[in-house]
Amino acid sequence: MPSAPRIHHPGPLAIGAHLALPEQAVRHVQVLRMQPGQAITLFPGDDVESGHEYAATITEMGRHSVQVRIDACEVHARENRIALHLALGMPSNERMDWLVEKATELGAASITPLMTERSVLRLQGERAEKKRAHWQAIAIAACEQCGRNRVPLIQPVSTLAAYVQAQVQAQEKEQAQAAGGAQRRCVLSLHAGSARLDARWLAELEQGGVNALTVLSGPEGGLSQSEEQQALAAGWAPLHLGPRVLRAETAPLAVAAALGLLGTAP
């Protein structure tokens, strides 16, 4: 028997509640030609209720509305043991869409789109916000498909310089709170002397009690030498992925897939 369709529903959910689905979810249910009495699964997708999903029953169907009743709640551990935060020099439109989708499927906790020297996309103002909302919708749809109950946050578009500076300030705050040991920041690099992402490196992460990894990755053509040096000077550790040169949309996914080998958080 096929599983109930999964639908993202932001906001607090509770067993026994009767509620109206948001507009996008209404369209989803209508496309599936569902009827009253059929089951769906709702998940809020936030940090507060990370892992929670709710069994619900459709009670009413209107032309532009769907009412449901929440019947039960279950908690499923489907998030990676180490939270992965990706900072991406944006590749071209279609590749960035694909990257957001696949990074979500592989467990990324957040994605920050960056404008770098070699970025194809140049986004500012309203256009940048529209793109961010578009990518957030892709992430939500990917969670509905793959079974994740936590939606990764797509951060506002930033320049690389502003992002690195913000990370320096965040790192100083972590150190002041004696919490810096649980964080790790890496920049993907082809330079000799970079650590290699392999089984030993993953074991060191796990044994070191790291619970969050931020990875900076370049666009087509990679980060410029000055941009990489800027990250290194800010304390980011260089990391390479082996003897082959991966595309901009492939390299961060290789990191995400490797972290998935460490299992899910309890």
Protein backbone atom coordinates (compact mmCIF):
# COMPACT_ATOMS: atom_id res chain seq x y z
CA MET A 1 0.00 0.00 0.00
CA PRO A 2 1.52 3.38 -0.98
CA SER A 3 2.47 5.76 1.82
CA ALA A 4 0.44 8.90 2.47
CA PRO A 5 1.62 12.01 0.56
CA ARG A 6 3.97 14.15 2.63
CA ILE A 7 3.19 17.87 2.87
CA HIS A 8 5.11 20.66 4.55
CA HIS A 9 2.92 22.73 6.89
CA PRO A 10 4.79 25.52 8.74
CA GLY A 11 3.68 26.50 12.20
CA PRO A 12 2.79 24.55 15.34
CA LEU A 13 0.85 21.31 14.87
CA ALA A 14 -0.98 19.30 17.53
CA ILE A 15 -2.91 16.03 17.70
CA GLY A 16 -6.64 16.63 17.43
CA ALA A 17 -6.28 20.01 15.72
CA HIS A 18 -8.41 20.90 12.69
CA LEU A 19 -6.69 23.22 10.26
CA ALA A 20 -6.66 24.55 6.71
CA LEU A 21 -3.75 23.68 4.44
CA PRO A 22 -1.69 26.54 2.97
CA GLU A 23 -2.19 27.47 -0.68
CA GLN A 24 0.72 25.47 -2.08
CA ALA A 25 -0.36 22.36 -0.15
CA VAL A 26 -3.93 22.78 -1.42
CA ARG A 27 -2.66 22.68 -5.00
CA HIS A 28 -0.62 19.57 -4.17
CA VAL A 29 -3.66 17.73 -2.80
CA GLN A 30 -5.83 18.81 -5.75
CA VAL A 31 -3.26 17.61 -8.29
CA LEU A 32 -3.29 14.20 -6.58
CA ARG A 33 -7.11 14.19 -6.84
CA MET A 34 -7.45 13.31 -3.17
CA GLN A 35 -10.81 13.11 -1.40
CA PRO A 36 -12.17 13.48 2.16
CA GLY A 37 -11.22 10.50 4.30
CA GLN A 38 -7.83 10.00 2.68
CA ALA A 39 -4.62 10.26 4.69
CA ILE A 40 -1.72 12.69 4.36
CA THR A 41 1.43 13.29 6.42
CA LEU A 42 2.29 16.80 7.63
CA PHE A 43 5.62 18.04 8.94
CA PRO A 44 6.49 21.54 10.23
CA GLY A 45 10.12 21.25 9.14
CA ASP A 46 11.64 23.55 11.78
CA ASP A 47 14.24 23.20 14.53
CA VAL A 48 11.64 23.26 17.31
CA GLU A 49 9.92 20.10 16.09
CA SER A 50 12.79 18.58 14.14
CA GLY A 51 11.91 14.99 13.31
CA HIS A 52 8.19 15.34 14.02
CA GLU A 53 5.65 14.23 11.43
CA TYR A 54 1.88 14.13 11.84
CA ALA A 55 -0.65 11.68 10.41
CA ALA A 56 -3.71 13.62 9.24
CA THR A 57 -7.02 12.94 7.50
CA ILE A 58 -8.66 15.18 4.91
CA THR A 59 -12.05 16.24 6.26
CA GLU A 60 -13.24 18.77 3.66
CA MET A 61 -12.34 19.64 0.08
CA GLY A 62 -13.29 22.99 -1.46
CA ARG A 63 -12.45 24.66 -4.74
CA HIS A 64 -9.64 26.63 -3.12
CA SER A 65 -9.34 25.05 0.33
CA VAL A 66 -8.59 21.77 2.09
CA GLN A 67 -9.39 21.06 5.75
CA VAL A 68 -7.61 18.30 7.67
CA ARG A 69 -7.65 16.74 11.15
CA ILE A 70 -4.40 15.72 12.84
CA ASP A 71 -4.67 12.19 14.24
CA ALA A 72 -1.22 11.19 15.50
CA CYS A 73 2.43 12.19 15.75
CA GLU A 74 5.67 10.25 15.31
CA VAL A 75 9.31 11.29 15.62
CA HIS A 76 11.87 9.95 13.13
CA ALA A 77 15.64 10.54 13.27
CA ARG A 78 16.58 11.34 9.68
CA GLU A 79 19.07 14.18 10.15
CA ASN A 80 22.81 13.67 9.80
CA ARG A 81 24.86 13.32 12.97
CA ILE A 82 26.99 16.30 11.89
CA ALA A 83 25.02 19.31 10.60
CA LEU A 84 26.36 20.49 7.23
CA HIS A 85 26.17 24.18 6.33
CA LEU A 86 27.04 24.86 2.68
CA ALA A 87 28.30 28.24 1.45
CA LEU A 88 28.18 28.07 -2.34
CA GLY A 89 29.61 30.30 -5.02
CA MET A 90 26.47 30.21 -7.15
CA PRO A 91 26.69 28.24 -10.40
CA SER A 92 24.31 28.97 -13.30
CA ASN A 93 20.53 28.94 -12.75
CA GLU A 94 19.67 25.32 -13.56
CA ARG A 95 22.72 23.95 -11.79
CA MET A 96 21.96 25.92 -8.64
CA ASP A 97 18.37 24.61 -8.63
CA TRP A 98 19.68 21.05 -8.97
CA LEU A 99 22.31 21.61 -6.29
CA VAL A 100 19.76 22.88 -3.77
CA GLU A 101 17.51 19.89 -4.42
CA LYS A 102 20.25 17.27 -4.08
CA ALA A 103 21.93 18.95 -1.09
CA THR A 104 18.56 18.85 0.67
CA GLU A 105 18.13 15.16 -0.11
CA LEU A 106 21.62 14.48 1.25
CA GLY A 107 20.95 16.29 4.53
CA ALA A 108 22.36 19.83 4.30
CA ALA A 109 21.19 21.91 7.27
CA SER A 110 21.52 25.27 5.51
CA ILE A 111 22.67 26.74 2.20
CA THR A 112 24.12 30.21 1.70
CA PRO A 113 24.29 31.40 -1.94
CA LEU A 114 27.39 33.53 -2.53
CA MET A 115 28.44 35.97 -5.22
CA THR A 116 32.13 35.42 -5.97
CA GLU A 117 34.53 36.74 -8.59
CA ARG A 118 33.66 33.93 -11.01
CA SER A 119 29.96 33.51 -10.20
CA VAL A 120 27.66 33.42 -13.22
CA LEU A 121 24.66 34.66 -11.23
CA ARG A 122 24.67 38.26 -10.00
CA LEU A 123 21.72 38.88 -7.71
CA GLN A 124 20.73 41.90 -5.67
CA GLY A 125 17.63 43.40 -4.07
CA GLU A 126 14.23 42.05 -5.08
CA ARG A 127 15.67 39.67 -7.65
CA ALA A 128 17.91 38.09 -5.02
CA GLU A 129 14.98 37.64 -2.63
CA LYS A 130 12.83 36.06 -5.36
CA LYS A 131 15.62 33.60 -6.11
CA ARG A 132 16.04 32.80 -2.42
CA ALA A 133 12.30 32.09 -2.12
CA HIS A 134 12.48 29.94 -5.27
CA TRP A 135 15.33 27.87 -3.81
CA GLN A 136 13.51 27.57 -0.48
CA ALA A 137 10.51 26.11 -2.32
CA ILE A 138 12.81 23.61 -4.04
CA ALA A 139 14.19 22.58 -0.64
CA ILE A 140 10.67 22.09 0.75
CA ALA A 141 9.64 19.94 -2.22
CA ALA A 142 12.81 17.86 -1.83
CA CYS A 143 12.01 17.25 1.86
CA GLU A 144 8.47 16.17 0.95
CA GLN A 145 9.90 13.67 -1.52
CA CYS A 146 12.86 12.25 0.42
CA GLY A 147 11.34 11.92 3.90
CA ARG A 148 13.22 14.65 5.75
CA ASN A 149 11.23 16.40 8.47
CA ARG A 150 13.57 19.37 8.80
CA VAL A 151 13.70 21.88 5.95
CA PRO A 152 17.15 23.38 5.37
CA LEU A 153 17.25 27.17 5.54
CA ILE A 154 18.24 28.97 2.36
CA GLN A 155 20.07 32.06 3.59
CA PRO A 156 19.93 35.44 1.82
CA VAL A 157 22.36 35.93 -1.06
CA SER A 158 25.64 37.41 0.16
CA THR A 159 29.01 38.44 -1.19
CA LEU A 160 31.90 36.20 -0.24
CA ALA A 161 33.66 39.00 1.65
CA ALA A 162 30.58 39.79 3.76
CA TYR A 163 29.99 36.10 4.46
CA VAL A 164 33.57 35.42 5.57
CA GLN A 165 33.48 38.47 7.86
CA ALA A 166 30.22 37.29 9.41
CA GLN A 167 31.74 33.87 9.98
CA VAL A 168 34.77 35.43 11.69
CA GLN A 169 32.44 37.25 14.08
CA ALA A 170 30.46 34.05 14.69
CA GLN A 171 33.67 32.16 15.42
CA GLU A 172 34.81 34.80 17.90
CA LYS A 173 31.46 34.49 19.67
CA GLU A 174 31.77 30.69 19.79
CA GLN A 175 35.24 30.95 21.31
CA ALA A 176 34.03 33.46 23.89
CA GLN A 177 31.34 30.99 24.88
CA ALA A 178 33.84 28.10 24.91
CA ALA A 179 31.80 26.37 22.19
CA GLY A 180 34.25 26.61 19.32
CA GLY A 181 35.42 22.99 19.51
CA ALA A 182 32.08 21.69 18.23
CA GLN A 183 32.34 23.68 14.98
CA ARG A 184 34.57 23.13 11.95
CA ARG A 185 34.98 25.33 8.86
CA CYS A 186 36.57 24.14 5.63
CA VAL A 187 37.14 25.55 2.16
CA LEU A 188 37.31 23.14 -0.76
CA SER A 189 40.76 23.47 -2.32
CA LEU A 190 42.99 21.84 -4.95
CA HIS A 191 46.21 23.07 -3.37
CA ALA A 192 48.87 20.67 -2.13
CA GLY A 193 48.84 20.26 1.62
CA SER A 194 45.06 20.30 1.92
CA ALA A 195 43.51 17.63 4.10
CA ARG A 196 41.77 14.91 2.11
CA LEU A 197 38.17 13.93 2.75
CA ASP A 198 38.56 10.23 3.45
CA ALA A 199 37.65 7.69 6.13
CA ARG A 200 40.40 8.91 8.46
CA TRP A 201 39.25 12.55 8.17
CA LEU A 202 35.64 11.56 8.88
CA ALA A 203 36.75 9.53 11.90
CA GLU A 204 38.66 12.55 13.25
CA LEU A 205 35.53 14.67 12.89
CA GLU A 206 33.45 12.15 14.78
CA GLN A 207 36.02 11.50 17.50
CA GLY A 208 36.61 15.23 17.92
CA GLY A 209 33.01 15.82 18.92
CA VAL A 210 32.31 18.05 15.90
CA ASN A 211 28.57 18.61 15.56
CA ALA A 212 28.55 21.21 12.76
CA LEU A 213 30.64 21.54 9.61
CA THR A 214 30.57 24.61 7.35
CA VAL A 215 31.97 24.08 3.85
CA LEU A 216 32.84 26.88 1.43
CA SER A 217 32.75 25.83 -2.24
CA GLY A 218 33.40 27.86 -5.39
CA PRO A 219 31.34 28.35 -8.58
CA GLU A 220 32.32 27.24 -12.10
CA GLY A 221 36.07 27.82 -12.26
CA GLY A 222 36.37 27.72 -8.47
CA LEU A 223 37.28 30.44 -6.02
CA SER A 224 39.98 32.85 -7.12
CA GLN A 225 43.36 32.64 -5.41
CA SER A 226 42.66 35.83 -3.45
CA GLU A 227 39.25 34.54 -2.33
CA GLU A 228 40.70 31.26 -1.12
CA GLN A 229 43.46 33.11 0.72
CA GLN A 230 40.83 35.30 2.34
CA ALA A 231 39.10 32.21 3.72
CA LEU A 232 42.35 30.63 4.86
CA ALA A 233 43.40 33.85 6.60
CA ALA A 234 40.06 33.79 8.44
CA GLY A 235 40.88 30.35 9.84
CA TRP A 236 39.16 28.04 7.37
CA ALA A 237 40.97 24.72 6.85
CA PRO A 238 41.68 23.63 3.23
CA LEU A 239 40.02 20.37 2.19
CA HIS A 240 40.29 18.46 -1.09
CA LEU A 241 38.16 15.65 -2.47
CA GLY A 242 40.68 13.46 -4.25
CA PRO A 243 42.55 13.36 -7.57
CA ARG A 244 39.65 14.43 -9.83
CA VAL A 245 38.37 17.97 -10.37
CA LEU A 246 34.64 17.99 -9.60
CA ARG A 247 32.10 20.41 -11.02
CA ALA A 248 30.75 23.25 -8.89
CA GLU A 249 27.46 21.44 -8.37
CA THR A 250 29.15 18.09 -7.60
CA ALA A 251 31.86 18.98 -5.07
CA PRO A 252 29.61 20.07 -2.15
CA LEU A 253 27.38 17.05 -2.73
CA ALA A 254 30.41 14.77 -2.33
CA VAL A 255 30.93 16.25 1.14
CA ALA A 256 27.25 15.84 1.99
CA ALA A 257 27.25 12.21 0.90
CA ALA A 258 30.37 11.47 2.93
CA LEU A 259 28.91 12.99 6.10
CA GLY A 260 25.84 10.83 5.64
CA LEU A 261 28.06 7.78 6.22
CA LEU A 262 28.42 8.82 9.86
CA GLY A 263 24.75 8.11 10.44
CA THR A 264 21.86 10.11 11.85
CA ALA A 265 21.60 12.16 15.01
CA PRO A 266 19.91 10.40 17.94
